[in-house]
Amino acid sequence: MKQNDLILQTVTKVAAFVILLFAVAIFLGGHYSPGGGFVGGLMTSAAIVLLLLAFDIKTVTGILPIDYKLMIGSGLFISSLTVAGRVSVRGAAHDTCISIYRFASAWAHLASYCGTF
C-alpha cells in the first residue's frame, strides 16, 4: 500500500466518524436491549483499526490520545469488583449450580417436547 493514499485517508475520515456515531447509538440503545455494549465496542475498535490502516500510529495517537493500558486495567478492575460484590452478597457456587440445573432441565424439557428423547 502506498504511504500517502489520499483516497483511503479521505474516505476513512468520513467513515470512521460515521462508524463511531453509530457505535455510540448502538451502545446507548443497548441499555434497553441486549448486546449493545459488546457490539458498540466492536464497532469502535473497527473504526480505530480503520484509522490505523489509513494513517500511521503517530497520527492516530494524536487523534485519540488514550492510554489503552490504563483503560484495559480499569476495565478489568471494575469487572473484578463486580464479581467480588456478587460473591460477597451470595455464594457464587450456589448460583452456578442453580443455573446449570435450570439450563439442563429446560434443555431436557425442550428435547422431550421435540421428540428426541
N, C-alpha and C. Protein backbone atom coordinates (compact mmCIF):
# COMPACT_ATOMS: atom_id res chain seq x y z
N MET A 1 0.84 -1.17 0.00
CA MET A 1 0.00 0.00 0.00
C MET A 1 0.89 1.24 0.00
N LYS A 2 0.46 2.23 -0.74
CA LYS A 2 1.22 3.47 -0.77
C LYS A 2 1.16 4.17 0.58
N GLN A 3 2.19 4.91 0.87
CA GLN A 3 2.27 5.61 2.15
C GLN A 3 1.24 6.75 2.22
N ASN A 4 1.06 7.48 1.14
CA ASN A 4 0.13 8.60 1.12
C ASN A 4 -1.04 8.28 0.20
N ASP A 5 -1.91 7.43 0.63
CA ASP A 5 -3.09 7.06 -0.15
C ASP A 5 -4.20 8.05 0.17
N LEU A 6 -4.35 9.04 -0.68
CA LEU A 6 -5.26 10.14 -0.42
C LEU A 6 -6.73 9.70 -0.40
N ILE A 7 -7.10 8.78 -1.27
CA ILE A 7 -8.49 8.33 -1.31
C ILE A 7 -8.85 7.57 -0.04
N LEU A 8 -7.97 6.66 0.38
CA LEU A 8 -8.22 5.89 1.60
C LEU A 8 -8.30 6.81 2.82
N GLN A 9 -7.42 7.78 2.91
CA GLN A 9 -7.43 8.68 4.06
C GLN A 9 -8.67 9.57 4.07
N THR A 10 -9.11 10.02 2.92
CA THR A 10 -10.30 10.86 2.85
C THR A 10 -11.55 10.07 3.21
N VAL A 11 -11.67 8.87 2.67
CA VAL A 11 -12.82 8.02 2.98
C VAL A 11 -12.80 7.61 4.45
N THR A 12 -11.62 7.36 4.99
CA THR A 12 -11.50 6.95 6.39
C THR A 12 -11.96 8.05 7.33
N LYS A 13 -11.66 9.30 7.01
CA LYS A 13 -12.09 10.41 7.87
C LYS A 13 -13.61 10.43 8.01
N VAL A 14 -14.30 10.23 6.92
CA VAL A 14 -15.77 10.25 6.95
C VAL A 14 -16.31 8.95 7.54
N ALA A 15 -15.78 7.82 7.08
CA ALA A 15 -16.31 6.52 7.51
C ALA A 15 -16.07 6.29 9.00
N ALA A 16 -14.91 6.66 9.52
CA ALA A 16 -14.64 6.45 10.95
C ALA A 16 -15.59 7.29 11.80
N PHE A 17 -15.88 8.50 11.35
CA PHE A 17 -16.82 9.35 12.08
C PHE A 17 -18.21 8.72 12.11
N VAL A 18 -18.67 8.23 10.96
CA VAL A 18 -19.99 7.60 10.88
C VAL A 18 -20.03 6.32 11.72
N ILE A 19 -18.97 5.51 11.65
CA ILE A 19 -18.92 4.27 12.43
C ILE A 19 -18.96 4.58 13.92
N LEU A 20 -18.20 5.58 14.36
CA LEU A 20 -18.18 5.93 15.78
C LEU A 20 -19.53 6.47 16.24
N LEU A 21 -20.20 7.27 15.41
CA LEU A 21 -21.54 7.75 15.78
C LEU A 21 -22.52 6.59 15.91
N PHE A 22 -22.47 5.67 14.96
CA PHE A 22 -23.36 4.52 15.00
C PHE A 22 -23.03 3.61 16.19
N ALA A 23 -21.75 3.49 16.54
CA ALA A 23 -21.35 2.68 17.69
C ALA A 23 -21.89 3.28 18.98
N VAL A 24 -21.84 4.60 19.10
CA VAL A 24 -22.39 5.25 20.30
C VAL A 24 -23.90 5.05 20.37
N ALA A 25 -24.58 5.15 19.22
CA ALA A 25 -26.03 4.94 19.21
C ALA A 25 -26.39 3.52 19.61
N ILE A 26 -25.65 2.53 19.12
CA ILE A 26 -25.91 1.14 19.49
C ILE A 26 -25.58 0.91 20.96
N PHE A 27 -24.47 1.51 21.43
CA PHE A 27 -24.09 1.35 22.83
C PHE A 27 -25.16 1.92 23.76
N LEU A 28 -25.67 3.10 23.44
CA LEU A 28 -26.70 3.70 24.29
C LEU A 28 -28.04 2.98 24.14
N GLY A 29 -28.34 2.47 22.96
CA GLY A 29 -29.55 1.68 22.77
C GLY A 29 -29.48 0.34 23.47
N GLY A 30 -28.28 -0.15 23.72
CA GLY A 30 -28.10 -1.41 24.42
C GLY A 30 -28.45 -1.34 25.88
N HIS A 31 -28.70 -0.14 26.37
CA HIS A 31 -29.13 -0.01 27.76
C HIS A 31 -30.51 -0.65 27.95
N TYR A 32 -31.32 -0.64 26.90
CA TYR A 32 -32.65 -1.21 26.98
C TYR A 32 -32.81 -2.51 26.20
N SER A 33 -31.80 -2.91 25.47
CA SER A 33 -31.85 -4.16 24.72
C SER A 33 -30.51 -4.88 24.87
N PRO A 34 -30.51 -6.19 24.74
CA PRO A 34 -29.26 -6.93 24.97
C PRO A 34 -28.25 -6.75 23.83
N GLY A 35 -26.99 -6.81 24.19
CA GLY A 35 -25.92 -6.82 23.20
C GLY A 35 -25.39 -5.47 22.77
N GLY A 36 -25.89 -4.39 23.28
CA GLY A 36 -25.46 -3.08 22.81
C GLY A 36 -24.03 -2.74 23.16
N GLY A 37 -23.61 -3.07 24.37
CA GLY A 37 -22.25 -2.73 24.78
C GLY A 37 -21.21 -3.49 24.00
N PHE A 38 -21.45 -4.76 23.75
CA PHE A 38 -20.47 -5.58 23.04
C PHE A 38 -20.36 -5.13 21.58
N VAL A 39 -21.48 -4.97 20.92
CA VAL A 39 -21.47 -4.58 19.51
C VAL A 39 -20.94 -3.16 19.35
N GLY A 40 -21.29 -2.26 20.28
CA GLY A 40 -20.75 -0.91 20.23
C GLY A 40 -19.24 -0.89 20.39
N GLY A 41 -18.73 -1.73 21.26
CA GLY A 41 -17.28 -1.85 21.43
C GLY A 41 -16.59 -2.42 20.20
N LEU A 42 -17.23 -3.39 19.57
CA LEU A 42 -16.66 -3.96 18.34
C LEU A 42 -16.60 -2.91 17.23
N MET A 43 -17.65 -2.13 17.12
CA MET A 43 -17.66 -1.10 16.07
C MET A 43 -16.65 0.00 16.36
N THR A 44 -16.47 0.34 17.63
CA THR A 44 -15.46 1.33 17.99
C THR A 44 -14.07 0.83 17.65
N SER A 45 -13.79 -0.43 17.97
CA SER A 45 -12.48 -0.98 17.64
C SER A 45 -12.29 -1.10 16.13
N ALA A 46 -13.37 -1.36 15.38
CA ALA A 46 -13.26 -1.40 13.92
C ALA A 46 -12.91 -0.03 13.36
N ALA A 47 -13.48 1.02 13.94
CA ALA A 47 -13.15 2.38 13.50
C ALA A 47 -11.69 2.71 13.80
N ILE A 48 -11.20 2.28 14.95
CA ILE A 48 -9.79 2.53 15.30
C ILE A 48 -8.86 1.77 14.37
N VAL A 49 -9.22 0.52 14.05
CA VAL A 49 -8.40 -0.26 13.11
C VAL A 49 -8.41 0.38 11.73
N LEU A 50 -9.55 0.89 11.30
CA LEU A 50 -9.62 1.60 10.01
C LEU A 50 -8.71 2.82 10.02
N LEU A 51 -8.71 3.57 11.11
CA LEU A 51 -7.80 4.72 11.21
C LEU A 51 -6.35 4.28 11.16
N LEU A 52 -6.03 3.16 11.81
CA LEU A 52 -4.65 2.66 11.79
C LEU A 52 -4.24 2.17 10.41
N LEU A 53 -5.18 1.66 9.64
CA LEU A 53 -4.85 1.22 8.28
C LEU A 53 -4.60 2.42 7.36
N ALA A 54 -5.32 3.49 7.57
CA ALA A 54 -5.20 4.64 6.68
C ALA A 54 -4.05 5.58 7.08
N PHE A 55 -3.82 5.72 8.37
CA PHE A 55 -2.80 6.64 8.86
C PHE A 55 -1.75 5.87 9.66
N ASP A 56 -0.68 6.53 10.02
CA ASP A 56 0.33 5.87 10.84
C ASP A 56 -0.05 5.99 12.32
N ILE A 57 0.70 5.30 13.16
CA ILE A 57 0.37 5.21 14.59
C ILE A 57 0.50 6.58 15.27
N LYS A 58 1.44 7.41 14.84
CA LYS A 58 1.61 8.73 15.46
C LYS A 58 0.40 9.62 15.19
N THR A 59 -0.14 9.55 13.99
CA THR A 59 -1.31 10.36 13.66
C THR A 59 -2.52 9.91 14.45
N VAL A 60 -2.71 8.58 14.56
CA VAL A 60 -3.86 8.06 15.31
C VAL A 60 -3.72 8.37 16.79
N THR A 61 -2.51 8.31 17.33
CA THR A 61 -2.29 8.66 18.73
C THR A 61 -2.58 10.14 18.96
N GLY A 62 -2.29 10.97 17.99
CA GLY A 62 -2.62 12.39 18.10
C GLY A 62 -4.12 12.64 18.04
N ILE A 63 -4.83 11.82 17.24
CA ILE A 63 -6.28 11.96 17.13
C ILE A 63 -6.97 11.43 18.39
N LEU A 64 -6.55 10.27 18.85
CA LEU A 64 -7.15 9.62 20.03
C LEU A 64 -6.09 9.49 21.13
N PRO A 65 -5.89 10.51 21.94
CA PRO A 65 -4.86 10.43 22.99
C PRO A 65 -5.35 9.64 24.21
N ILE A 66 -5.45 8.32 24.04
CA ILE A 66 -5.97 7.45 25.10
C ILE A 66 -4.87 6.46 25.47
N ASP A 67 -4.66 6.28 26.77
CA ASP A 67 -3.73 5.27 27.25
C ASP A 67 -4.50 3.95 27.36
N TYR A 68 -4.31 3.08 26.38
CA TYR A 68 -5.09 1.85 26.31
C TYR A 68 -4.74 0.88 27.43
N LYS A 69 -3.50 0.91 27.92
CA LYS A 69 -3.13 0.04 29.04
C LYS A 69 -3.91 0.41 30.29
N LEU A 70 -4.07 1.71 30.53
CA LEU A 70 -4.85 2.18 31.68
C LEU A 70 -6.33 1.80 31.51
N MET A 71 -6.82 1.91 30.27
CA MET A 71 -8.22 1.57 30.02
C MET A 71 -8.48 0.08 30.25
N ILE A 72 -7.59 -0.78 29.78
CA ILE A 72 -7.74 -2.22 29.99
C ILE A 72 -7.67 -2.56 31.47
N GLY A 73 -6.71 -1.97 32.18
CA GLY A 73 -6.57 -2.21 33.62
C GLY A 73 -7.78 -1.77 34.41
N SER A 74 -8.33 -0.62 34.08
CA SER A 74 -9.50 -0.14 34.82
C SER A 74 -10.73 -0.99 34.50
N GLY A 75 -10.87 -1.47 33.27
CA GLY A 75 -11.98 -2.36 32.92
C GLY A 75 -11.90 -3.68 33.66
N LEU A 76 -10.70 -4.23 33.74
CA LEU A 76 -10.53 -5.48 34.49
C LEU A 76 -10.78 -5.28 35.98
N PHE A 77 -10.37 -4.13 36.51
CA PHE A 77 -10.61 -3.84 37.92
C PHE A 77 -12.10 -3.72 38.21
N ILE A 78 -12.83 -3.02 37.35
CA ILE A 78 -14.27 -2.87 37.55
C ILE A 78 -14.99 -4.21 37.44
N SER A 79 -14.60 -5.04 36.47
CA SER A 79 -15.24 -6.34 36.35
C SER A 79 -14.90 -7.24 37.54
N SER A 80 -13.70 -7.13 38.07
CA SER A 80 -13.34 -7.89 39.27
C SER A 80 -14.14 -7.44 40.48
N LEU A 81 -14.36 -6.13 40.61
CA LEU A 81 -15.20 -5.64 41.70
C LEU A 81 -16.63 -6.13 41.57
N THR A 82 -17.12 -6.22 40.35
CA THR A 82 -18.48 -6.72 40.13
C THR A 82 -18.61 -8.17 40.58
N VAL A 83 -17.63 -8.99 40.22
CA VAL A 83 -17.65 -10.40 40.62
C VAL A 83 -17.48 -10.52 42.14
N ALA A 84 -16.57 -9.75 42.72
CA ALA A 84 -16.35 -9.82 44.16
C ALA A 84 -17.60 -9.39 44.92
N GLY A 85 -18.29 -8.37 44.43
CA GLY A 85 -19.53 -7.93 45.07
C GLY A 85 -20.60 -8.99 44.99
N ARG A 86 -20.70 -9.67 43.88
CA ARG A 86 -21.71 -10.72 43.72
C ARG A 86 -21.40 -11.92 44.62
N VAL A 87 -20.15 -12.28 44.71
CA VAL A 87 -19.77 -13.41 45.55
C VAL A 87 -19.97 -13.08 47.02
N SER A 88 -19.71 -11.83 47.41
CA SER A 88 -19.86 -11.47 48.82
C SER A 88 -21.33 -11.39 49.23
N VAL A 89 -22.23 -11.04 48.31
CA VAL A 89 -23.64 -10.97 48.65
C VAL A 89 -24.27 -12.36 48.69
N ARG A 90 -24.00 -13.16 47.66
CA ARG A 90 -24.49 -14.54 47.59
C ARG A 90 -23.35 -15.40 47.10
N GLY A 91 -23.29 -16.61 47.56
CA GLY A 91 -22.23 -17.51 47.14
C GLY A 91 -22.30 -17.80 45.65
N ALA A 92 -21.16 -17.73 44.97
CA ALA A 92 -21.14 -17.95 43.53
C ALA A 92 -21.42 -19.41 43.19
N ALA A 93 -20.98 -20.32 44.04
CA ALA A 93 -21.19 -21.74 43.76
C ALA A 93 -22.68 -22.08 43.78
N HIS A 94 -23.41 -21.47 44.70
CA HIS A 94 -24.84 -21.72 44.81
C HIS A 94 -25.56 -21.28 43.53
N ASP A 95 -25.27 -20.07 43.05
CA ASP A 95 -25.91 -19.56 41.85
C ASP A 95 -25.52 -20.37 40.62
N THR A 96 -24.26 -20.78 40.55
CA THR A 96 -23.80 -21.54 39.39
C THR A 96 -24.50 -22.88 39.32
N CYS A 97 -24.63 -23.56 40.45
CA CYS A 97 -25.31 -24.86 40.46
C CYS A 97 -26.77 -24.72 40.08
N ILE A 98 -27.43 -23.70 40.58
CA ILE A 98 -28.84 -23.49 40.24
C ILE A 98 -28.98 -23.17 38.75
N SER A 99 -28.09 -22.36 38.21
CA SER A 99 -28.16 -22.00 36.80
C SER A 99 -27.93 -23.21 35.91
N ILE A 100 -26.97 -24.06 36.27
CA ILE A 100 -26.72 -25.27 35.49
C ILE A 100 -27.92 -26.20 35.55
N TYR A 101 -28.54 -26.32 36.73
CA TYR A 101 -29.71 -27.18 36.87
C TYR A 101 -30.86 -26.67 36.02
N ARG A 102 -31.09 -25.35 36.05
CA ARG A 102 -32.18 -24.77 35.26
C ARG A 102 -31.93 -24.95 33.78
N PHE A 103 -30.70 -24.76 33.34
CA PHE A 103 -30.39 -24.92 31.93
C PHE A 103 -30.59 -26.37 31.50
N ALA A 104 -30.11 -27.31 32.33
CA ALA A 104 -30.22 -28.73 31.97
C ALA A 104 -31.68 -29.16 31.96
N SER A 105 -32.47 -28.71 32.93
CA SER A 105 -33.87 -29.12 32.96
C SER A 105 -34.65 -28.49 31.81
N ALA A 106 -34.33 -27.25 31.46
CA ALA A 106 -35.00 -26.61 30.32
C ALA A 106 -34.63 -27.31 29.02
N TRP A 107 -33.38 -27.71 28.88
CA TRP A 107 -32.95 -28.41 27.67
C TRP A 107 -33.62 -29.78 27.58
N ALA A 108 -33.71 -30.48 28.70
CA ALA A 108 -34.36 -31.79 28.70
C ALA A 108 -35.85 -31.65 28.37
N HIS A 109 -36.50 -30.62 28.89
CA HIS A 109 -37.91 -30.39 28.59
C HIS A 109 -38.09 -30.09 27.09
N LEU A 110 -37.23 -29.25 26.53
CA LEU A 110 -37.32 -28.93 25.12
C LEU A 110 -37.06 -30.15 24.25
N ALA A 111 -36.07 -30.95 24.63
CA ALA A 111 -35.75 -32.14 23.86
C ALA A 111 -36.88 -33.15 23.92
N SER A 112 -37.53 -33.31 25.08
CA SER A 112 -38.65 -34.25 25.15
C SER A 112 -39.85 -33.73 24.38
N TYR A 113 -40.01 -32.43 24.33
CA TYR A 113 -41.12 -31.85 23.56
C TYR A 113 -40.90 -32.07 22.06
N CYS A 114 -39.66 -31.98 21.62
CA CYS A 114 -39.36 -32.16 20.19
C CYS A 114 -39.30 -33.64 19.81
N GLY A 115 -39.34 -34.53 20.77
CA GLY A 115 -39.35 -35.96 20.47
C GLY A 115 -37.98 -36.58 20.30
N THR A 116 -36.93 -35.96 20.84
CA THR A 116 -35.61 -36.54 20.70
C THR A 116 -35.29 -37.52 21.82
N PHE A 117 -36.06 -37.53 22.90
CA PHE A 117 -35.83 -38.49 23.96
C PHE A 117 -36.83 -39.60 23.89
